[in-house]
């Protein structure tokens, strides 16, 4: 019975060590997810910031083109 108890104790110790390792990996994965989400948010803000002036420029050019078409048809 002592041998069985030692085997069970070793198994429990091994499982606890594996659980601790998995918890560390989970926390690392969470931190990586947070980092990736932050990078994506920053990229999206940068993209939207770059896109807005282009959209304004496009609207201005379309208005200019419309005015030119009107001028040439009159």
Protein backbone atom coordinates (compact mmCIF):
# COMPACT_ATOMS: atom_id res chain seq x y z
CA UNK A 1 0.00 0.00 0.00
CA UNK A 2 2.91 2.35 0.65
CA UNK A 3 4.07 1.90 -2.93
CA UNK A 4 0.56 2.67 -4.27
CA UNK A 5 0.39 5.76 -2.07
CA UNK A 6 3.79 6.92 -3.35
CA UNK A 7 2.65 6.33 -6.96
CA UNK A 8 -0.55 8.31 -6.39
CA UNK A 9 1.38 11.10 -4.67
CA UNK A 10 3.83 11.25 -7.57
CA UNK A 11 0.95 11.34 -10.06
CA UNK A 12 -0.79 14.15 -8.16
CA UNK A 13 2.48 16.11 -7.96
CA UNK A 14 3.04 15.58 -11.69
CA UNK A 15 -0.52 16.68 -12.49
CA UNK A 16 -0.15 19.78 -10.33
CA UNK A 17 3.09 20.68 -12.10
CA UNK A 18 1.44 20.15 -15.50
CA UNK A 19 -1.55 22.26 -14.40
CA UNK A 20 0.77 25.08 -13.30
CA UNK A 21 2.57 24.90 -16.65
CA UNK A 22 -0.75 25.03 -18.53
CA UNK A 23 -1.90 28.00 -16.46
CA UNK A 24 1.31 29.84 -17.42
CA UNK A 25 0.75 29.00 -21.09
CA UNK A 26 -2.87 30.20 -20.89
CA UNK A 27 -1.77 33.49 -19.30
CA UNK A 28 0.92 33.94 -21.96
CA UNK A 29 -1.69 33.30 -24.67
CA UNK A 30 -4.03 35.86 -23.06
CA UNK A 31 -1.26 38.45 -22.98
CA UNK A 32 -0.44 37.71 -26.63
CA UNK A 33 -4.13 38.10 -27.53
CA UNK A 34 -4.25 41.47 -25.75
CA UNK A 35 -1.10 42.57 -27.60
CA UNK A 36 -2.50 41.46 -30.97
CA UNK A 37 -5.84 43.18 -30.33
CA UNK A 38 -4.05 46.41 -29.39
CA UNK A 39 -1.93 46.22 -32.55
CA UNK A 40 -5.05 45.62 -34.66
CA UNK A 41 -6.84 48.55 -33.03
CA UNK A 42 -3.84 50.81 -33.67
CA UNK A 43 -3.66 49.64 -37.29
CA UNK A 44 -7.39 50.24 -37.78
CA UNK A 45 -7.14 53.77 -36.34
CA UNK A 46 -4.15 54.49 -38.56
CA UNK A 47 -6.01 53.12 -41.60
CA UNK A 48 -9.13 55.15 -40.84
CA UNK A 49 -6.99 58.24 -40.24
CA UNK A 50 -5.32 57.80 -43.63
CA UNK A 51 -8.59 56.98 -45.36
CA UNK A 52 -10.55 60.04 -44.24
CA UNK A 53 -8.45 62.67 -46.09
CA UNK A 54 -8.51 60.48 -49.21
CA UNK A 55 -12.30 60.28 -49.03
CA UNK A 56 -12.49 64.06 -48.65
CA UNK A 57 -10.14 64.50 -51.61
CA UNK A 58 -12.24 62.09 -53.67
CA UNK A 59 -15.44 64.01 -52.83
CA UNK A 60 -13.76 67.30 -53.82
CA UNK A 61 -12.55 65.83 -57.12
CA UNK A 62 -16.00 64.40 -57.90
CA UNK A 63 -17.58 67.80 -57.21
CA UNK A 64 -14.96 69.44 -59.44
CA UNK A 65 -15.63 66.91 -62.21
CA UNK A 66 -19.38 67.44 -61.92
CA UNK A 67 -18.86 71.22 -62.17
CA UNK A 68 -16.64 70.77 -65.24
CA UNK A 69 -19.26 68.54 -66.93
CA UNK A 70 -21.94 71.12 -66.21
CA UNK A 71 -19.72 73.89 -67.58
CA UNK A 72 -19.03 71.98 -70.80
CA UNK A 73 -22.68 71.07 -71.42
CA UNK A 74 -23.90 74.66 -71.05
